[in-house]
Amino acid sequence: MLCYQTNLYACILSEYQNWLKQLIKQKSIAKQADLPIVADLAIGLLIDFLRRISPGNWYVRAGLWAKTGDYPLGFKLGGMQVGIVRLGNIGSEVLNRLQAFGFIISYNSRRKRPSVLFPYCANVYDLAVNSDVLVVCCALTEQTHHIINKDVMAELGKGGMIINVGRGALIDEKEMLQFLVQGDINGVGLDVFENDPNVPKEPLRLDNIVLLPCQNALTHWES
Protein backbone atom coordinates (compact mmCIF):
# COMPACT_ATOMS: atom_id res chain seq x y z
CA MET A 1 0.00 0.00 0.00
CA LEU A 2 2.82 2.39 0.91
CA CYS A 3 4.58 1.62 -2.38
CA TYR A 4 1.35 2.31 -4.30
CA GLN A 5 0.83 5.67 -2.56
CA THR A 6 4.45 6.65 -3.19
CA ASN A 7 4.09 5.86 -6.89
CA LEU A 8 0.81 7.74 -7.04
CA TYR A 9 2.31 10.84 -5.43
CA ALA A 10 5.30 10.64 -7.79
CA CYS A 11 2.98 10.42 -10.77
CA ILE A 12 0.91 13.39 -9.60
CA LEU A 13 4.06 15.41 -8.94
CA SER A 14 5.42 14.59 -12.38
CA GLU A 15 2.16 15.63 -14.07
CA TYR A 16 2.10 18.85 -12.05
CA GLN A 17 5.67 19.66 -13.04
CA ASN A 18 4.88 19.05 -16.73
CA TRP A 19 1.81 21.29 -16.47
CA LEU A 20 3.84 23.99 -14.76
CA LYS A 21 6.53 23.86 -17.47
CA GLN A 22 3.89 24.21 -20.18
CA LEU A 23 2.30 27.14 -18.34
CA ILE A 24 5.65 28.92 -18.03
CA LYS A 25 6.34 28.28 -21.71
CA GLN A 26 2.94 29.69 -22.71
CA LYS A 27 3.48 32.76 -20.54
CA SER A 28 6.87 33.30 -22.14
CA ILE A 29 5.40 33.04 -25.64
CA ALA A 30 2.58 35.43 -24.72
CA LYS A 31 5.10 37.87 -23.28
CA GLN A 32 7.12 37.81 -26.50
CA ALA A 33 3.93 38.23 -28.56
CA ASP A 34 3.05 41.35 -26.56
CA LEU A 35 6.24 43.16 -27.52
CA PRO A 36 4.96 44.60 -30.84
CA ILE A 37 1.81 45.80 -29.08
CA VAL A 38 3.82 47.76 -26.53
CA ALA A 39 5.98 49.24 -29.29
CA ASP A 40 2.84 50.25 -31.23
CA LEU A 41 1.59 52.19 -28.23
CA ALA A 42 4.92 53.95 -27.76
CA ILE A 43 4.74 55.19 -31.35
CA GLY A 44 1.09 56.12 -30.87
CA LEU A 45 1.92 58.29 -27.85
CA LEU A 46 4.78 59.87 -29.76
CA ILE A 47 2.65 60.76 -32.78
CA ASP A 48 -0.22 61.92 -30.58
CA PHE A 49 2.01 64.41 -28.82
CA LEU A 50 4.03 65.62 -31.78
CA ARG A 51 0.97 66.21 -33.96
CA ARG A 52 -1.08 67.44 -30.98
CA ILE A 53 -3.90 65.00 -31.67
CA SER A 54 -5.47 64.70 -28.20
CA PRO A 55 -5.50 68.43 -27.32
CA GLY A 56 -6.62 69.24 -30.87
CA ASN A 57 -9.52 66.83 -30.46
CA TRP A 58 -10.70 68.59 -27.31
CA TYR A 59 -10.14 72.00 -28.92
CA VAL A 60 -12.64 71.10 -31.63
CA ARG A 61 -15.08 69.46 -29.19
CA ALA A 62 -15.10 72.56 -27.00
CA GLY A 63 -16.13 74.71 -29.96
CA LEU A 64 -12.93 76.76 -29.76
CA TRP A 65 -11.95 76.36 -33.42
CA ALA A 66 -14.76 78.61 -34.62
CA LYS A 67 -14.40 81.01 -31.67
CA THR A 68 -10.66 81.50 -31.43
CA GLY A 69 -9.24 80.28 -34.74
CA ASP A 70 -6.71 77.66 -35.71
CA TYR A 71 -5.04 75.46 -33.12
CA PRO A 72 -1.22 75.68 -32.72
CA LEU A 73 0.65 73.51 -35.18
CA GLY A 74 2.36 70.26 -34.23
CA PHE A 75 5.79 68.99 -35.22
CA LYS A 76 7.11 67.20 -38.30
CA LEU A 77 8.07 63.61 -37.52
CA GLY A 78 10.80 63.02 -40.07
CA GLY A 79 14.19 64.32 -39.03
CA MET A 80 13.39 64.49 -35.34
CA GLN A 81 16.01 62.87 -33.11
CA VAL A 82 14.73 60.00 -30.96
CA GLY A 83 16.79 58.18 -28.33
CA ILE A 84 15.76 54.73 -27.14
CA VAL A 85 16.60 54.12 -23.49
CA ARG A 86 17.89 50.54 -23.17
CA LEU A 87 17.60 48.72 -26.48
CA GLY A 88 16.01 45.48 -25.30
CA ASN A 89 13.27 43.45 -26.94
CA ILE A 90 10.67 46.21 -26.82
CA GLY A 91 13.23 48.86 -27.71
CA SER A 92 14.16 46.90 -30.84
CA GLU A 93 10.49 46.81 -31.88
CA VAL A 94 10.26 50.55 -31.30
CA LEU A 95 13.39 51.10 -33.39
CA ASN A 96 11.87 49.21 -36.32
CA ARG A 97 8.79 51.41 -36.25
CA LEU A 98 10.70 54.67 -35.86
CA GLN A 99 12.62 53.99 -39.05
CA ALA A 100 9.44 54.02 -41.10
CA PHE A 101 8.71 57.62 -40.07
CA GLY A 102 12.17 58.94 -40.85
CA PHE A 103 13.26 59.65 -37.28
CA ILE A 104 16.97 60.05 -36.57
CA ILE A 105 17.62 57.24 -34.09
CA SER A 106 20.22 56.62 -31.40
CA TYR A 107 20.14 54.24 -28.47
CA ASN A 108 21.47 53.41 -25.04
CA SER A 109 21.99 49.93 -23.65
CA ARG A 110 24.19 48.13 -21.16
CA ARG A 111 26.55 47.41 -24.04
CA LYS A 112 26.88 48.34 -27.69
CA ARG A 113 25.04 46.06 -30.10
CA PRO A 114 27.36 45.18 -33.04
CA SER A 115 24.34 44.33 -35.20
CA VAL A 116 22.72 47.75 -34.64
CA LEU A 117 24.05 50.38 -37.01
CA PHE A 118 22.56 53.39 -35.23
CA PRO A 119 24.66 55.59 -32.91
CA TYR A 120 25.23 54.18 -29.43
CA CYS A 121 25.42 56.24 -26.24
CA ALA A 122 27.06 54.62 -23.24
CA ASN A 123 24.87 56.54 -20.78
CA VAL A 124 21.45 58.16 -20.75
CA TYR A 125 22.88 61.67 -20.27
CA ASP A 126 24.70 61.56 -23.60
CA LEU A 127 21.59 60.10 -25.20
CA ALA A 128 19.50 63.00 -23.88
CA VAL A 129 21.97 65.59 -25.20
CA ASN A 130 21.59 64.16 -28.70
CA SER A 131 17.81 63.61 -28.64
CA ASP A 132 14.60 65.57 -29.04
CA VAL A 133 12.63 62.63 -27.63
CA LEU A 134 13.50 59.82 -25.22
CA VAL A 135 11.50 56.60 -25.48
CA VAL A 136 11.72 54.64 -22.22
CA CYS A 137 10.76 50.98 -22.49
CA CYS A 138 13.14 49.01 -20.29
CA ALA A 139 12.61 46.79 -17.26
CA LEU A 140 12.56 48.28 -13.77
CA THR A 141 15.58 47.23 -11.71
CA GLU A 142 17.74 48.80 -9.03
CA GLN A 143 19.94 50.14 -11.82
CA THR A 144 17.09 51.61 -13.89
CA HIS A 145 15.02 53.05 -11.02
CA HIS A 146 14.69 56.79 -11.82
CA ILE A 147 16.99 56.32 -14.81
CA ILE A 148 15.26 59.43 -16.15
CA ASN A 149 16.18 61.85 -13.37
CA LYS A 150 16.62 65.59 -12.96
CA ASP A 151 20.00 65.64 -14.68
CA VAL A 152 18.76 63.68 -17.69
CA MET A 153 15.73 65.96 -18.09
CA ALA A 154 17.97 69.01 -17.85
CA GLU A 155 20.13 67.60 -20.65
CA LEU A 156 17.03 66.90 -22.73
CA GLY A 157 16.10 70.57 -22.48
CA LYS A 158 13.06 72.76 -23.02
CA GLY A 159 12.22 71.29 -26.41
CA GLY A 160 12.55 67.71 -25.21
CA MET A 161 9.88 65.07 -24.81
CA ILE A 162 9.68 61.74 -22.94
CA ILE A 163 7.61 58.66 -23.79
CA ASN A 164 7.35 55.97 -21.10
CA VAL A 165 5.77 52.56 -21.75
CA GLY A 166 8.03 50.67 -19.33
CA ARG A 167 7.39 51.21 -15.62
CA GLY A 168 6.41 54.36 -13.80
CA ALA A 169 9.41 54.40 -11.49
CA LEU A 170 11.81 54.57 -14.44
CA ILE A 171 11.15 58.33 -14.28
CA ASP A 172 11.52 60.54 -11.23
CA GLU A 173 7.88 61.61 -11.34
CA LYS A 174 8.16 64.55 -8.93
CA GLU A 175 11.04 66.05 -10.87
CA MET A 176 9.24 65.41 -14.17
CA LEU A 177 6.18 67.33 -13.00
CA GLN A 178 8.35 70.25 -11.93
CA PHE A 179 10.00 70.31 -15.34
CA LEU A 180 6.60 70.22 -17.07
CA VAL A 181 5.03 72.94 -14.94
CA GLN A 182 8.04 75.22 -15.35
CA GLY A 183 8.28 74.56 -19.08
CA ASP A 184 11.75 73.04 -18.80
CA ILE A 185 10.75 70.10 -21.01
CA ASN A 186 8.22 70.19 -23.82
CA GLY A 187 6.00 67.30 -22.78
CA VAL A 188 5.54 63.64 -21.96
CA GLY A 189 3.43 60.68 -23.03
CA LEU A 190 2.78 58.19 -20.22
CA ASP A 191 1.13 54.81 -20.01
CA VAL A 192 2.54 54.13 -16.54
CA PHE A 193 3.00 56.03 -13.29
CA GLU A 194 5.04 55.57 -10.12
CA ASN A 195 1.95 54.73 -8.05
CA ASP A 196 -0.61 53.73 -10.65
CA PRO A 197 -3.55 53.67 -10.80
CA ASN A 198 -3.18 56.68 -8.48
CA VAL A 199 -2.19 59.56 -10.75
CA PRO A 200 -0.96 62.88 -9.33
CA LYS A 201 -3.33 65.81 -9.83
CA GLU A 202 -0.79 68.01 -11.60
CA PRO A 203 -0.75 66.11 -14.93
CA LEU A 204 -4.53 66.33 -15.19
CA ARG A 205 -4.27 70.12 -15.47
CA LEU A 206 -1.50 70.19 -18.07
CA ASP A 207 -2.00 70.13 -21.83
CA ASN A 208 1.58 69.10 -22.59
CA ILE A 209 1.09 65.55 -21.35
CA VAL A 210 -0.73 62.56 -22.86
CA LEU A 211 -2.01 60.02 -20.33
CA LEU A 212 -3.18 56.42 -20.70
CA PRO A 213 -4.29 53.89 -18.05
CA CYS A 214 -1.52 51.27 -18.41
CA GLN A 215 -2.77 49.44 -21.50
CA ASN A 216 0.50 49.06 -23.36
CA ALA A 217 0.32 45.27 -23.73
CA LEU A 218 -3.47 45.00 -23.99
CA THR A 219 -5.72 45.13 -27.04
CA HIS A 220 -9.37 44.25 -27.63
CA TRP A 221 -8.98 42.16 -30.77
CA GLU A 222 -6.76 39.12 -31.02
CA SER A 223 -5.47 37.80 -34.33
C-alpha atoms as a PDB file:
ATOM      1  CA  MET A   1       0.000   0.000   0.000  1.00  0.00           C
ATOM      2  CA  LEU A   2       2.822   2.389   0.909  1.00  0.00           C
ATOM      3  CA  CYS A   3       4.578   1.624  -2.381  1.00  0.00           C
ATOM      4  CA  TYR A   4       1.346   2.312  -4.299  1.00  0.00           C
ATOM      5  CA  GLN A   5       0.834   5.667  -2.557  1.00  0.00           C
ATOM      6  CA  THR A   6       4.447   6.654  -3.193  1.00  0.00           C
ATOM      7  CA  ASN A   7       4.093   5.864  -6.887  1.00  0.00           C
ATOM      8  CA  LEU A   8       0.807   7.736  -7.040  1.00  0.00           C
ATOM      9  CA  TYR A   9       2.305  10.842  -5.433  1.00  0.00           C
ATOM     10  CA  ALA A  10       5.303  10.642  -7.787  1.00  0.00           C
ATOM     11  CA  CYS A  11       2.979  10.418 -10.769  1.00  0.00           C
ATOM     12  CA  ILE A  12       0.906  13.393  -9.600  1.00  0.00           C
ATOM     13  CA  LEU A  13       4.059  15.412  -8.936  1.00  0.00           C
ATOM     14  CA  SER A  14       5.417  14.588 -12.381  1.00  0.00           C
ATOM     15  CA  GLU A  15       2.162  15.635 -14.067  1.00  0.00           C
ATOM     16  CA  TYR A  16       2.098  18.851 -12.052  1.00  0.00           C
ATOM     17  CA  GLN A  17       5.673  19.655 -13.039  1.00  0.00           C
ATOM     18  CA  ASN A  18       4.880  19.055 -16.726  1.00  0.00           C
ATOM     19  CA  TRP A  19       1.809  21.287 -16.469  1.00  0.00           C
ATOM     20  CA  LEU A  20       3.842  23.989 -14.758  1.00  0.00           C
ATOM     21  CA  LYS A  21       6.529  23.856 -17.466  1.00  0.00           C
ATOM     22  CA  GLN A  22       3.892  24.214 -20.175  1.00  0.00           C
ATOM     23  CA  LEU A  23       2.296  27.139 -18.344  1.00  0.00           C
ATOM     24  CA  ILE A  24       5.651  28.924 -18.033  1.00  0.00           C
ATOM     25  CA  LYS A  25       6.336  28.280 -21.714  1.00  0.00           C
ATOM     26  CA  GLN A  26       2.936  29.692 -22.711  1.00  0.00           C
ATOM     27  CA  LYS A  27       3.478  32.764 -20.538  1.00  0.00           C
ATOM     28  CA  SER A  28       6.873  33.301 -22.144  1.00  0.00           C
ATOM     29  CA  ILE A  29       5.399  33.042 -25.644  1.00  0.00           C
ATOM     30  CA  ALA A  30       2.578  35.431 -24.724  1.00  0.00           C
ATOM     31  CA  LYS A  31       5.096  37.870 -23.281  1.00  0.00           C
ATOM     32  CA  GLN A  32       7.116  37.806 -26.500  1.00  0.00           C
ATOM     33  CA  ALA A  33       3.928  38.230 -28.555  1.00  0.00           C
ATOM     34  CA  ASP A  34       3.045  41.350 -26.556  1.00  0.00           C
ATOM     35  CA  LEU A  35       6.240  43.163 -27.521  1.00  0.00           C
ATOM     36  CA  PRO A  36       4.959  44.600 -30.839  1.00  0.00           C
ATOM     37  CA  ILE A  37       1.807  45.799 -29.085  1.00  0.00           C
ATOM     38  CA  VAL A  38       3.822  47.759 -26.528  1.00  0.00           C
ATOM     39  CA  ALA A  39       5.976  49.243 -29.294  1.00  0.00           C
ATOM     40  CA  ASP A  40       2.840  50.249 -31.226  1.00  0.00           C
ATOM     41  CA  LEU A  41       1.587  52.192 -28.230  1.00  0.00           C
ATOM     42  CA  ALA A  42       4.924  53.949 -27.760  1.00  0.00           C
ATOM     43  CA  ILE A  43       4.742  55.185 -31.353  1.00  0.00           C
ATOM     44  CA  GLY A  44       1.089  56.116 -30.869  1.00  0.00           C
ATOM     45  CA  LEU A  45       1.925  58.286 -27.854  1.00  0.00           C
ATOM     46  CA  LEU A  46       4.781  59.867 -29.763  1.00  0.00           C
ATOM     47  CA  ILE A  47       2.654  60.761 -32.784  1.00  0.00           C
ATOM     48  CA  ASP A  48      -0.216  61.916 -30.576  1.00  0.00           C
ATOM     49  CA  PHE A  49       2.010  64.409 -28.822  1.00  0.00           C
ATOM     50  CA  LEU A  50       4.034  65.618 -31.776  1.00  0.00           C
ATOM     51  CA  ARG A  51       0.966  66.207 -33.959  1.00  0.00           C
ATOM     52  CA  ARG A  52      -1.080  67.440 -30.977  1.00  0.00           C
ATOM     53  CA  ILE A  53      -3.902  64.998 -31.666  1.00  0.00           C
ATOM     54  CA  SER A  54      -5.472  64.699 -28.201  1.00  0.00           C
ATOM     55  CA  PRO A  55      -5.500  68.435 -27.322  1.00  0.00           C
ATOM     56  CA  GLY A  56      -6.620  69.237 -30.871  1.00  0.00           C
ATOM     57  CA  ASN A  57      -9.523  66.832 -30.459  1.00  0.00           C
ATOM     58  CA  TRP A  58     -10.703  68.591 -27.312  1.00  0.00           C
ATOM     59  CA  TYR A  59     -10.140  72.000 -28.915  1.00  0.00           C
ATOM     60  CA  VAL A  60     -12.644  71.102 -31.627  1.00  0.00           C
ATOM     61  CA  ARG A  61     -15.084  69.460 -29.193  1.00  0.00           C
ATOM     62  CA  ALA A  62     -15.101  72.562 -26.996  1.00  0.00           C
ATOM     63  CA  GLY A  63     -16.126  74.709 -29.962  1.00  0.00           C
ATOM     64  CA  LEU A  64     -12.930  76.759 -29.758  1.00  0.00           C
ATOM     65  CA  TRP A  65     -11.952  76.357 -33.424  1.00  0.00           C
ATOM     66  CA  ALA A  66     -14.756  78.614 -34.616  1.00  0.00           C
ATOM     67  CA  LYS A  67     -14.405  81.010 -31.665  1.00  0.00           C
ATOM     68  CA  THR A  68     -10.656  81.503 -31.429  1.00  0.00           C
ATOM     69  CA  GLY A  69      -9.245  80.280 -34.737  1.00  0.00           C
ATOM     70  CA  ASP A  70      -6.714  77.660 -35.712  1.00  0.00           C
ATOM     71  CA  TYR A  71      -5.043  75.465 -33.118  1.00  0.00           C
ATOM     72  CA  PRO A  72      -1.222  75.681 -32.721  1.00  0.00           C
ATOM     73  CA  LEU A  73       0.651  73.505 -35.182  1.00  0.00           C
ATOM     74  CA  GLY A  74       2.363  70.262 -34.232  1.00  0.00           C
ATOM     75  CA  PHE A  75       5.794  68.991 -35.225  1.00  0.00           C
ATOM     76  CA  LYS A  76       7.112  67.201 -38.299  1.00  0.00           C
ATOM     77  CA  LEU A  77       8.066  63.610 -37.524  1.00  0.00           C
ATOM     78  CA  GLY A  78      10.802  63.016 -40.073  1.00  0.00           C
ATOM     79  CA  GLY A  79      14.186  64.319 -39.028  1.00  0.00           C
ATOM     80  CA  MET A  80      13.389  64.493 -35.342  1.00  0.00           C
ATOM     81  CA  GLN A  81      16.013  62.865 -33.106  1.00  0.00           C
ATOM     82  CA  VAL A  82      14.726  60.002 -30.961  1.00  0.00           C
ATOM     83  CA  GLY A  83      16.789  58.183 -28.325  1.00  0.00           C
ATOM     84  CA  ILE A  84      15.760  54.728 -27.142  1.00  0.00           C
ATOM     85  CA  VAL A  85      16.604  54.121 -23.488  1.00  0.00           C
ATOM     86  CA  ARG A  86      17.892  50.538 -23.168  1.00  0.00           C
ATOM     87  CA  LEU A  87      17.597  48.719 -26.479  1.00  0.00           C
ATOM     88  CA  GLY A  88      16.011  45.481 -25.300  1.00  0.00           C
ATOM     89  CA  ASN A  89      13.271  43.450 -26.937  1.00  0.00           C
ATOM     90  CA  ILE A  90      10.668  46.205 -26.820  1.00  0.00           C
ATOM     91  CA  GLY A  91      13.228  48.855 -27.714  1.00  0.00           C
ATOM     92  CA  SER A  92      14.159  46.897 -30.840  1.00  0.00           C
ATOM     93  CA  GLU A  93      10.494  46.805 -31.878  1.00  0.00           C
ATOM     94  CA  VAL A  94      10.260  50.551 -31.295  1.00  0.00           C
ATOM     95  CA  LEU A  95      13.385  51.103 -33.387  1.00  0.00           C
ATOM     96  CA  ASN A  96      11.873  49.214 -36.324  1.00  0.00           C
ATOM     97  CA  ARG A  97       8.792  51.410 -36.246  1.00  0.00           C
ATOM     98  CA  LEU A  98      10.701  54.666 -35.858  1.00  0.00           C
ATOM     99  CA  GLN A  99      12.625  53.992 -39.048  1.00  0.00           C
ATOM    100  CA  ALA A 100       9.437  54.016 -41.104  1.00  0.00           C
ATOM    101  CA  PHE A 101       8.712  57.620 -40.067  1.00  0.00           C
ATOM    102  CA  GLY A 102      12.167  58.935 -40.851  1.00  0.00           C
ATOM    103  CA  PHE A 103      13.264  59.652 -37.284  1.00  0.00           C
ATOM    104  CA  ILE A 104      16.967  60.050 -36.570  1.00  0.00           C
ATOM    105  CA  ILE A 105      17.621  57.243 -34.090  1.00  0.00           C
ATOM    106  CA  SER A 106      20.218  56.619 -31.400  1.00  0.00           C
ATOM    107  CA  TYR A 107      20.140  54.238 -28.471  1.00  0.00           C
ATOM    108  CA  ASN A 108      21.466  53.413 -25.040  1.00  0.00           C
ATOM    109  CA  SER A 109      21.988  49.934 -23.655  1.00  0.00           C
ATOM    110  CA  ARG A 110      24.195  48.132 -21.156  1.00  0.00           C
ATOM    111  CA  ARG A 111      26.550  47.414 -24.039  1.00  0.00           C
ATOM    112  CA  LYS A 112      26.877  48.342 -27.686  1.00  0.00           C
ATOM    113  CA  ARG A 113      25.044  46.061 -30.103  1.00  0.00           C
ATOM    114  CA  PRO A 114      27.357  45.176 -33.036  1.00  0.00           C
ATOM    115  CA  SER A 115      24.341  44.333 -35.204  1.00  0.00           C
ATOM    116  CA  VAL A 116      22.717  47.752 -34.635  1.00  0.00           C
ATOM    117  CA  LEU A 117      24.049  50.382 -37.010  1.00  0.00           C
ATOM    118  CA  PHE A 118      22.563  53.390 -35.227  1.00  0.00           C
ATOM    119  CA  PRO A 119      24.660  55.594 -32.909  1.00  0.00           C
ATOM    120  CA  TYR A 120      25.226  54.178 -29.432  1.00  0.00           C
ATOM    121  CA  CYS A 121      25.418  56.244 -26.244  1.00  0.00           C
ATOM    122  CA  ALA A 122      27.064  54.625 -23.242  1.00  0.00           C
ATOM    123  CA  ASN A 123      24.866  56.541 -20.775  1.00  0.00           C
ATOM    124  CA  VAL A 124      21.450  58.158 -20.752  1.00  0.00           C
ATOM    125  CA  TYR A 125      22.877  61.671 -20.267  1.00  0.00           C
ATOM    126  CA  ASP A 126      24.697  61.558 -23.604  1.00  0.00           C
ATOM    127  CA  LEU A 127      21.588  60.098 -25.198  1.00  0.00           C
ATOM    128  CA  ALA A 128      19.497  63.005 -23.883  1.00  0.00           C
ATOM    129  CA  VAL A 129      21.968  65.585 -25.201  1.00  0.00           C
ATOM    130  CA  ASN A 130      21.585  64.159 -28.705  1.00  0.00           C
ATOM    131  CA  SER A 131      17.808  63.615 -28.635  1.00  0.00           C
ATOM    132  CA  ASP A 132      14.596  65.568 -29.041  1.00  0.00           C
ATOM    133  CA  VAL A 133      12.632  62.627 -27.632  1.00  0.00           C
ATOM    134  CA  LEU A 134      13.500  59.822 -25.222  1.00  0.00           C
ATOM    135  CA  VAL A 135      11.498  56.597 -25.485  1.00  0.00           C
ATOM    136  CA  VAL A 136      11.722  54.641 -22.223  1.00  0.00           C
ATOM    137  CA  CYS A 137      10.764  50.978 -22.490  1.00  0.00           C
ATOM    138  CA  CYS A 138      13.144  49.012 -20.286  1.00  0.00           C
ATOM    139  CA  ALA A 139      12.609  46.791 -17.261  1.00  0.00           C
ATOM    140  CA  LEU A 140      12.557  48.283 -13.765  1.00  0.00           C
ATOM    141  CA  THR A 141      15.581  47.230 -11.714  1.00  0.00           C
ATOM    142  CA  GLU A 142      17.742  48.799  -9.027  1.00  0.00           C
ATOM    143  CA  GLN A 143      19.941  50.142 -11.818  1.00  0.00           C
ATOM    144  CA  THR A 144      17.089  51.610 -13.885  1.00  0.00           C
ATOM    145  CA  HIS A 145      15.023  53.053 -11.023  1.00  0.00           C
ATOM    146  CA  HIS A 146      14.687  56.788 -11.824  1.00  0.00           C
ATOM    147  CA  ILE A 147      16.993  56.319 -14.812  1.00  0.00           C
ATOM    148  CA  ILE A 148      15.263  59.434 -16.146  1.00  0.00           C
ATOM    149  CA  ASN A 149      16.181  61.853 -13.373  1.00  0.00           C
ATOM    150  CA  LYS A 150      16.616  65.588 -12.957  1.00  0.00           C
ATOM    151  CA  ASP A 151      19.999  65.635 -14.677  1.00  0.00           C
ATOM    152  CA  VAL A 152      18.758  63.679 -17.692  1.00  0.00           C
ATOM    153  CA  MET A 153      15.728  65.958 -18.090  1.00  0.00           C
ATOM    154  CA  ALA A 154      17.967  69.012 -17.847  1.00  0.00           C
ATOM    155  CA  GLU A 155      20.130  67.603 -20.653  1.00  0.00           C
ATOM    156  CA  LEU A 156      17.028  66.898 -22.734  1.00  0.00           C
ATOM    157  CA  GLY A 157      16.103  70.570 -22.483  1.00  0.00           C
ATOM    158  CA  LYS A 158      13.062  72.761 -23.023  1.00  0.00           C
ATOM    159  CA  GLY A 159      12.215  71.286 -26.412  1.00  0.00           C
ATOM    160  CA  GLY A 160      12.552  67.708 -25.205  1.00  0.00           C
ATOM    161  CA  MET A 161       9.880  65.072 -24.811  1.00  0.00           C
ATOM    162  CA  ILE A 162       9.679  61.743 -22.937  1.00  0.00           C
ATOM    163  CA  ILE A 163       7.609  58.658 -23.786  1.00  0.00           C
ATOM    164  CA  ASN A 164       7.351  55.969 -21.104  1.00  0.00           C
ATOM    165  CA  VAL A 165       5.771  52.558 -21.750  1.00  0.00           C
ATOM    166  CA  GLY A 166       8.033  50.671 -19.329  1.00  0.00           C
ATOM    167  CA  ARG A 167       7.393  51.205 -15.621  1.00  0.00           C
ATOM    168  CA  GLY A 168       6.411  54.355 -13.805  1.00  0.00           C
ATOM    169  CA  ALA A 169       9.414  54.398 -11.491  1.00  0.00           C
ATOM    170  CA  LEU A 170      11.815  54.572 -14.445  1.00  0.00           C
ATOM    171  CA  ILE A 171      11.146  58.328 -14.282  1.00  0.00           C
ATOM    172  CA  ASP A 172      11.519  60.539 -11.231  1.00  0.00           C
ATOM    173  CA  GLU A 173       7.881  61.612 -11.339  1.00  0.00           C
ATOM    174  CA  LYS A 174       8.157  64.552  -8.930  1.00  0.00           C
ATOM    175  CA  GLU A 175      11.039  66.050 -10.874  1.00  0.00           C
ATOM    176  CA  MET A 176       9.242  65.407 -14.168  1.00  0.00           C
ATOM    177  CA  LEU A 177       6.180  67.327 -13.001  1.00  0.00           C
ATOM    178  CA  GLN A 178       8.354  70.247 -11.925  1.00  0.00           C
ATOM    179  CA  PHE A 179       9.999  70.312 -15.336  1.00  0.00           C
ATOM    180  CA  LEU A 180       6.603  70.215 -17.071  1.00  0.00           C
ATOM    181  CA  VAL A 181       5.027  72.945 -14.938  1.00  0.00           C
ATOM    182  CA  GLN A 182       8.039  75.218 -15.351  1.00  0.00           C
ATOM    183  CA  GLY A 183       8.275  74.564 -19.085  1.00  0.00           C
ATOM    184  CA  ASP A 184      11.752  73.039 -18.800  1.00  0.00           C
ATOM    185  CA  ILE A 185      10.745  70.105 -21.005  1.00  0.00           C
ATOM    186  CA  ASN A 186       8.221  70.189 -23.821  1.00  0.00           C
ATOM    187  CA  GLY A 187       6.001  67.299 -22.784  1.00  0.00           C
ATOM    188  CA  VAL A 188       5.541  63.635 -21.956  1.00  0.00           C
ATOM    189  CA  GLY A 189       3.432  60.681 -23.027  1.00  0.00           C
ATOM    190  CA  LEU A 190       2.783  58.194 -20.221  1.00  0.00           C
ATOM    191  CA  ASP A 191       1.129  54.812 -20.012  1.00  0.00           C
ATOM    192  CA  VAL A 192       2.539  54.132 -16.542  1.00  0.00           C
ATOM    193  CA  PHE A 193       3.001  56.035 -13.285  1.00  0.00           C
ATOM    194  CA  GLU A 194       5.038  55.568 -10.123  1.00  0.00           C
ATOM    195  CA  ASN A 195       1.954  54.731  -8.051  1.00  0.00           C
ATOM    196  CA  ASP A 196      -0.612  53.727 -10.653  1.00  0.00           C
ATOM    197  CA  PRO A 197      -3.552  53.667 -10.795  1.00  0.00           C
ATOM    198  CA  ASN A 198      -3.182  56.683  -8.482  1.00  0.00           C
ATOM    199  CA  VAL A 199      -2.195  59.558 -10.753  1.00  0.00           C
ATOM    200  CA  PRO A 200      -0.964  62.879  -9.330  1.00  0.00           C
ATOM    201  CA  LYS A 201      -3.329  65.807  -9.829  1.00  0.00           C
ATOM    202  CA  GLU A 202      -0.794  68.014 -11.604  1.00  0.00           C
ATOM    203  CA  PRO A 203      -0.751  66.106 -14.934  1.00  0.00           C
ATOM    204  CA  LEU A 204      -4.529  66.332 -15.193  1.00  0.00           C
ATOM    205  CA  ARG A 205      -4.267  70.121 -15.471  1.00  0.00           C
ATOM    206  CA  LEU A 206      -1.503  70.187 -18.073  1.00  0.00           C
ATOM    207  CA  ASP A 207      -2.001  70.134 -21.830  1.00  0.00           C
ATOM    208  CA  ASN A 208       1.581  69.097 -22.595  1.00  0.00           C
ATOM    209  CA  ILE A 209       1.093  65.549 -21.346  1.00  0.00           C
ATOM    210  CA  VAL A 210      -0.734  62.556 -22.859  1.00  0.00           C
ATOM    211  CA  LEU A 211      -2.007  60.016 -20.327  1.00  0.00           C
ATOM    212  CA  LEU A 212      -3.179  56.420 -20.702  1.00  0.00           C
ATOM    213  CA  PRO A 213      -4.289  53.889 -18.049  1.00  0.00           C
ATOM    214  CA  CYS A 214      -1.520  51.270 -18.411  1.00  0.00           C
ATOM    215  CA  GLN A 215      -2.774  49.440 -21.500  1.00  0.00           C
ATOM    216  CA  ASN A 216       0.497  49.065 -23.361  1.00  0.00           C
ATOM    217  CA  ALA A 217       0.321  45.268 -23.734  1.00  0.00           C
ATOM    218  CA  LEU A 218      -3.475  45.003 -23.986  1.00  0.00           C
ATOM    219  CA  THR A 219      -5.722  45.133 -27.037  1.00  0.00           C
ATOM    220  CA  HIS A 220      -9.374  44.246 -27.628  1.00  0.00           C
ATOM    221  CA  TRP A 221      -8.982  42.164 -30.765  1.00  0.00           C
ATOM    222  CA  GLU A 222      -6.760  39.118 -31.021  1.00  0.00           C
ATOM    223  CA  SER A 223      -5.475  37.799 -34.332  1.00  0.00           C
END
